[in-house]
Amino acid sequence: MKATKEQLIDFLERAVLIPVENHYQATDIIRRKIRGTRMRLKKKPGVRLA
């Protein structure tokens, strides 16, 4: 399966990051880590998500 970086980021947003972030038991630490993950994924031009 071939996917672009943008497609992988969109998938992670919909399938993982948003549901976890909005979970009723998610703590501030979890939300902070999710924000950090988003920043890292969107910043680095050569990110590999293998």
PDB file of N, CA and C in Angstrom:
ATOM      1  N   MET A   1       0.845  -1.184   0.000  1.00  0.00           N
ATOM      2  CA  MET A   1       0.000   0.000   0.000  1.00  0.00           C
ATOM      3  C   MET A   1       0.884   1.239   0.000  1.00  0.00           C
ATOM      4  N   LYS A   2       0.646   2.112  -0.940  1.00  0.00           N
ATOM      5  CA  LYS A   2       1.399   3.358  -1.003  1.00  0.00           C
ATOM      6  C   LYS A   2       0.494   4.490  -0.535  1.00  0.00           C
ATOM      7  N   ALA A   3       1.050   5.320   0.328  1.00  0.00           N
ATOM      8  CA  ALA A   3       0.288   6.462   0.835  1.00  0.00           C
ATOM      9  C   ALA A   3       1.235   7.638   1.013  1.00  0.00           C
ATOM     10  N   THR A   4       0.701   8.815   0.838  1.00  0.00           N
ATOM     11  CA  THR A   4       1.513  10.005   1.046  1.00  0.00           C
ATOM     12  C   THR A   4       1.574  10.313   2.536  1.00  0.00           C
ATOM     13  N   LYS A   5       2.493  11.165   2.888  1.00  0.00           N
ATOM     14  CA  LYS A   5       2.627  11.569   4.291  1.00  0.00           C
ATOM     15  C   LYS A   5       1.331  12.204   4.789  1.00  0.00           C
ATOM     16  N   GLU A   6       0.717  13.021   3.954  1.00  0.00           N
ATOM     17  CA  GLU A   6      -0.526  13.692   4.344  1.00  0.00           C
ATOM     18  C   GLU A   6      -1.640  12.686   4.597  1.00  0.00           C
ATOM     19  N   GLN A   7      -1.719  11.651   3.765  1.00  0.00           N
ATOM     20  CA  GLN A   7      -2.738  10.623   3.954  1.00  0.00           C
ATOM     21  C   GLN A   7      -2.515   9.870   5.257  1.00  0.00           C
ATOM     22  N   LEU A   8      -1.271   9.581   5.572  1.00  0.00           N
ATOM     23  CA  LEU A   8      -0.974   8.886   6.826  1.00  0.00           C
ATOM     24  C   LEU A   8      -1.307   9.751   8.036  1.00  0.00           C
ATOM     25  N   ILE A   9      -0.978  11.032   7.957  1.00  0.00           N
ATOM     26  CA  ILE A   9      -1.293  11.944   9.060  1.00  0.00           C
ATOM     27  C   ILE A   9      -2.802  12.052   9.232  1.00  0.00           C
ATOM     28  N   ASP A  10      -3.542  12.163   8.123  1.00  0.00           N
ATOM     29  CA  ASP A  10      -5.006  12.230   8.207  1.00  0.00           C
ATOM     30  C   ASP A  10      -5.578  10.966   8.841  1.00  0.00           C
ATOM     31  N   PHE A  11      -5.050   9.816   8.442  1.00  0.00           N
ATOM     32  CA  PHE A  11      -5.516   8.558   9.024  1.00  0.00           C
ATOM     33  C   PHE A  11      -5.244   8.518  10.524  1.00  0.00           C
ATOM     34  N   LEU A  12      -4.035   8.895  10.927  1.00  0.00           N
ATOM     35  CA  LEU A  12      -3.703   8.903  12.353  1.00  0.00           C
ATOM     36  C   LEU A  12      -4.604   9.859  13.123  1.00  0.00           C
ATOM     37  N   GLU A  13      -4.892  11.008  12.551  1.00  0.00           N
ATOM     38  CA  GLU A  13      -5.788  11.972  13.196  1.00  0.00           C
ATOM     39  C   GLU A  13      -7.155  11.345  13.443  1.00  0.00           C
ATOM     40  N   ARG A  14      -7.745  10.778  12.377  1.00  0.00           N
ATOM     41  CA  ARG A  14      -9.106  10.247  12.477  1.00  0.00           C
ATOM     42  C   ARG A  14      -9.187   8.983  13.321  1.00  0.00           C
ATOM     43  N   ALA A  15      -8.237   8.084  13.154  1.00  0.00           N
ATOM     44  CA  ALA A  15      -8.342   6.765  13.777  1.00  0.00           C
ATOM     45  C   ALA A  15      -7.732   6.684  15.168  1.00  0.00           C
ATOM     46  N   VAL A  16      -6.767   7.559  15.467  1.00  0.00           N
ATOM     47  CA  VAL A  16      -6.051   7.416  16.734  1.00  0.00           C
ATOM     48  C   VAL A  16      -6.087   8.687  17.571  1.00  0.00           C
ATOM     49  N   LEU A  17      -5.548   9.761  17.046  1.00  0.00           N
ATOM     50  CA  LEU A  17      -5.332  10.950  17.867  1.00  0.00           C
ATOM     51  C   LEU A  17      -6.628  11.586  18.365  1.00  0.00           C
ATOM     52  N   ILE A  18      -7.584  11.797  17.486  1.00  0.00           N
ATOM     53  CA  ILE A  18      -8.836  12.442  17.904  1.00  0.00           C
ATOM     54  C   ILE A  18      -9.616  11.572  18.890  1.00  0.00           C
ATOM     55  N   PRO A  19      -9.825  10.269  18.607  1.00  0.00           N
ATOM     56  CA  PRO A  19     -10.558   9.458  19.584  1.00  0.00           C
ATOM     57  C   PRO A  19      -9.878   9.390  20.954  1.00  0.00           C
ATOM     58  N   VAL A  20      -8.563   9.275  20.966  1.00  0.00           N
ATOM     59  CA  VAL A  20      -7.855   9.197  22.247  1.00  0.00           C
ATOM     60  C   VAL A  20      -7.933  10.531  22.973  1.00  0.00           C
ATOM     61  N   GLU A  21      -7.738  11.610  22.255  1.00  0.00           N
ATOM     62  CA  GLU A  21      -7.768  12.936  22.865  1.00  0.00           C
ATOM     63  C   GLU A  21      -9.143  13.253  23.457  1.00  0.00           C
ATOM     64  N   ASN A  22     -10.201  12.801  22.807  1.00  0.00           N
ATOM     65  CA  ASN A  22     -11.558  13.093  23.263  1.00  0.00           C
ATOM     66  C   ASN A  22     -12.117  12.056  24.229  1.00  0.00           C
ATOM     67  N   HIS A  23     -11.346  11.034  24.536  1.00  0.00           N
ATOM     68  CA  HIS A  23     -11.812  10.003  25.463  1.00  0.00           C
ATOM     69  C   HIS A  23     -12.022  10.622  26.840  1.00  0.00           C
ATOM     70  N   TYR A  24     -13.065  10.200  27.515  1.00  0.00           N
ATOM     71  CA  TYR A  24     -13.405  10.819  28.798  1.00  0.00           C
ATOM     72  C   TYR A  24     -12.362  10.573  29.889  1.00  0.00           C
ATOM     73  N   GLN A  25     -11.523   9.566  29.740  1.00  0.00           N
ATOM     74  CA  GLN A  25     -10.490   9.293  30.742  1.00  0.00           C
ATOM     75  C   GLN A  25      -9.119   9.849  30.354  1.00  0.00           C
ATOM     76  N   ALA A  26      -9.046  10.564  29.249  1.00  0.00           N
ATOM     77  CA  ALA A  26      -7.763  11.121  28.809  1.00  0.00           C
ATOM     78  C   ALA A  26      -7.313  12.212  29.781  1.00  0.00           C
ATOM     79  N   THR A  27      -6.076  12.100  30.218  1.00  0.00           N
ATOM     80  CA  THR A  27      -5.531  13.081  31.155  1.00  0.00           C
ATOM     81  C   THR A  27      -4.833  14.202  30.391  1.00  0.00           C
ATOM     82  N   ASP A  28      -4.429  15.228  31.123  1.00  0.00           N
ATOM     83  CA  ASP A  28      -3.695  16.334  30.498  1.00  0.00           C
ATOM     84  C   ASP A  28      -2.377  15.856  29.907  1.00  0.00           C
ATOM     85  N   ILE A  29      -1.747  14.876  30.534  1.00  0.00           N
ATOM     86  CA  ILE A  29      -0.479  14.336  30.024  1.00  0.00           C
ATOM     87  C   ILE A  29      -0.701  13.700  28.659  1.00  0.00           C
ATOM     88  N   ILE A  30      -1.768  12.926  28.523  1.00  0.00           N
ATOM     89  CA  ILE A  30      -2.071  12.285  27.243  1.00  0.00           C
ATOM     90  C   ILE A  30      -2.334  13.340  26.178  1.00  0.00           C
ATOM     91  N   ARG A  31      -3.107  14.350  26.525  1.00  0.00           N
ATOM     92  CA  ARG A  31      -3.413  15.413  25.554  1.00  0.00           C
ATOM     93  C   ARG A  31      -2.149  16.164  25.141  1.00  0.00           C
ATOM     94  N   ARG A  32      -1.249  16.389  26.085  1.00  0.00           N
ATOM     95  CA  ARG A  32       0.011  17.071  25.771  1.00  0.00           C
ATOM     96  C   ARG A  32       0.856  16.216  24.832  1.00  0.00           C
ATOM     97  N   LYS A  33       0.898  14.916  25.076  1.00  0.00           N
ATOM     98  CA  LYS A  33       1.675  14.024  24.211  1.00  0.00           C
ATOM     99  C   LYS A  33       1.084  13.968  22.804  1.00  0.00           C
ATOM    100  N   ILE A  34      -0.226  14.004  22.700  1.00  0.00           N
ATOM    101  CA  ILE A  34      -0.874  14.008  21.391  1.00  0.00           C
ATOM    102  C   ILE A  34      -0.535  15.281  20.635  1.00  0.00           C
ATOM    103  N   ARG A  35      -0.568  16.425  21.316  1.00  0.00           N
ATOM    104  CA  ARG A  35      -0.193  17.691  20.662  1.00  0.00           C
ATOM    105  C   ARG A  35       1.254  17.638  20.188  1.00  0.00           C
ATOM    106  N   GLY A  36       2.140  17.066  20.995  1.00  0.00           N
ATOM    107  CA  GLY A  36       3.540  16.926  20.600  1.00  0.00           C
ATOM    108  C   GLY A  36       3.699  16.029  19.390  1.00  0.00           C
ATOM    109  N   THR A  37       2.930  14.950  19.357  1.00  0.00           N
ATOM    110  CA  THR A  37       2.977  14.037  18.216  1.00  0.00           C
ATOM    111  C   THR A  37       2.533  14.749  16.949  1.00  0.00           C
ATOM    112  N   ARG A  38       1.471  15.523  17.041  1.00  0.00           N
ATOM    113  CA  ARG A  38       0.999  16.281  15.870  1.00  0.00           C
ATOM    114  C   ARG A  38       2.071  17.241  15.375  1.00  0.00           C
ATOM    115  N   MET A  39       2.701  17.942  16.290  1.00  0.00           N
ATOM    116  CA  MET A  39       3.737  18.900  15.897  1.00  0.00           C
ATOM    117  C   MET A  39       4.890  18.196  15.200  1.00  0.00           C
ATOM    118  N   ARG A  40       5.331  17.066  15.745  1.00  0.00           N
ATOM    119  CA  ARG A  40       6.441  16.334  15.134  1.00  0.00           C
ATOM    120  C   ARG A  40       6.070  15.804  13.756  1.00  0.00           C
ATOM    121  N   LEU A  41       4.883  15.279  13.609  1.00  0.00           N
ATOM    122  CA  LEU A  41       4.472  14.727  12.317  1.00  0.00           C
ATOM    123  C   LEU A  41       4.370  15.800  11.246  1.00  0.00           C
ATOM    124  N   LYS A  42       3.898  16.964  11.612  1.00  0.00           N
ATOM    125  CA  LYS A  42       3.688  18.015  10.618  1.00  0.00           C
ATOM    126  C   LYS A  42       4.945  18.815  10.330  1.00  0.00           C
ATOM    127  N   LYS A  43       5.925  18.795  11.227  1.00  0.00           N
ATOM    128  CA  LYS A  43       7.133  19.602  11.052  1.00  0.00           C
ATOM    129  C   LYS A  43       8.163  18.956  10.144  1.00  0.00           C
ATOM    130  N   LYS A  44       8.541  17.731  10.446  1.00  0.00           N
ATOM    131  CA  LYS A  44       9.661  17.100   9.758  1.00  0.00           C
ATOM    132  C   LYS A  44       9.301  16.744   8.321  1.00  0.00           C
ATOM    133  N   PRO A  45      10.097  17.215   7.373  1.00  0.00           N
ATOM    134  CA  PRO A  45       9.795  16.938   5.971  1.00  0.00           C
ATOM    135  C   PRO A  45      10.038  15.486   5.575  1.00  0.00           C
ATOM    136  N   GLY A  46      10.956  14.797   6.219  1.00  0.00           N
ATOM    137  CA  GLY A  46      11.283  13.438   5.816  1.00  0.00           C
ATOM    138  C   GLY A  46      10.855  12.388   6.814  1.00  0.00           C
ATOM    139  N   VAL A  47       9.731  12.557   7.453  1.00  0.00           N
ATOM    140  CA  VAL A  47       9.275  11.613   8.478  1.00  0.00           C
ATOM    141  C   VAL A  47       8.905  10.289   7.839  1.00  0.00           C
ATOM    142  N   ARG A  48       9.366   9.222   8.439  1.00  0.00           N
ATOM    143  CA  ARG A  48       9.002   7.884   7.998  1.00  0.00           C
ATOM    144  C   ARG A  48       8.049   7.295   9.017  1.00  0.00           C
ATOM    145  N   LEU A  49       6.930   6.800   8.549  1.00  0.00           N
ATOM    146  CA  LEU A  49       5.945   6.213   9.445  1.00  0.00           C
ATOM    147  C   LEU A  49       5.824   4.722   9.166  1.00  0.00           C
ATOM    148  N   ALA A  50       6.925   4.033   9.174  1.00  0.00           N
ATOM    149  CA  ALA A  50       6.905   2.611   8.848  1.00  0.00           C
ATOM    150  C   ALA A  50       6.506   1.852   9.987  1.00  0.00           C
TER     151      ALA A  50
END
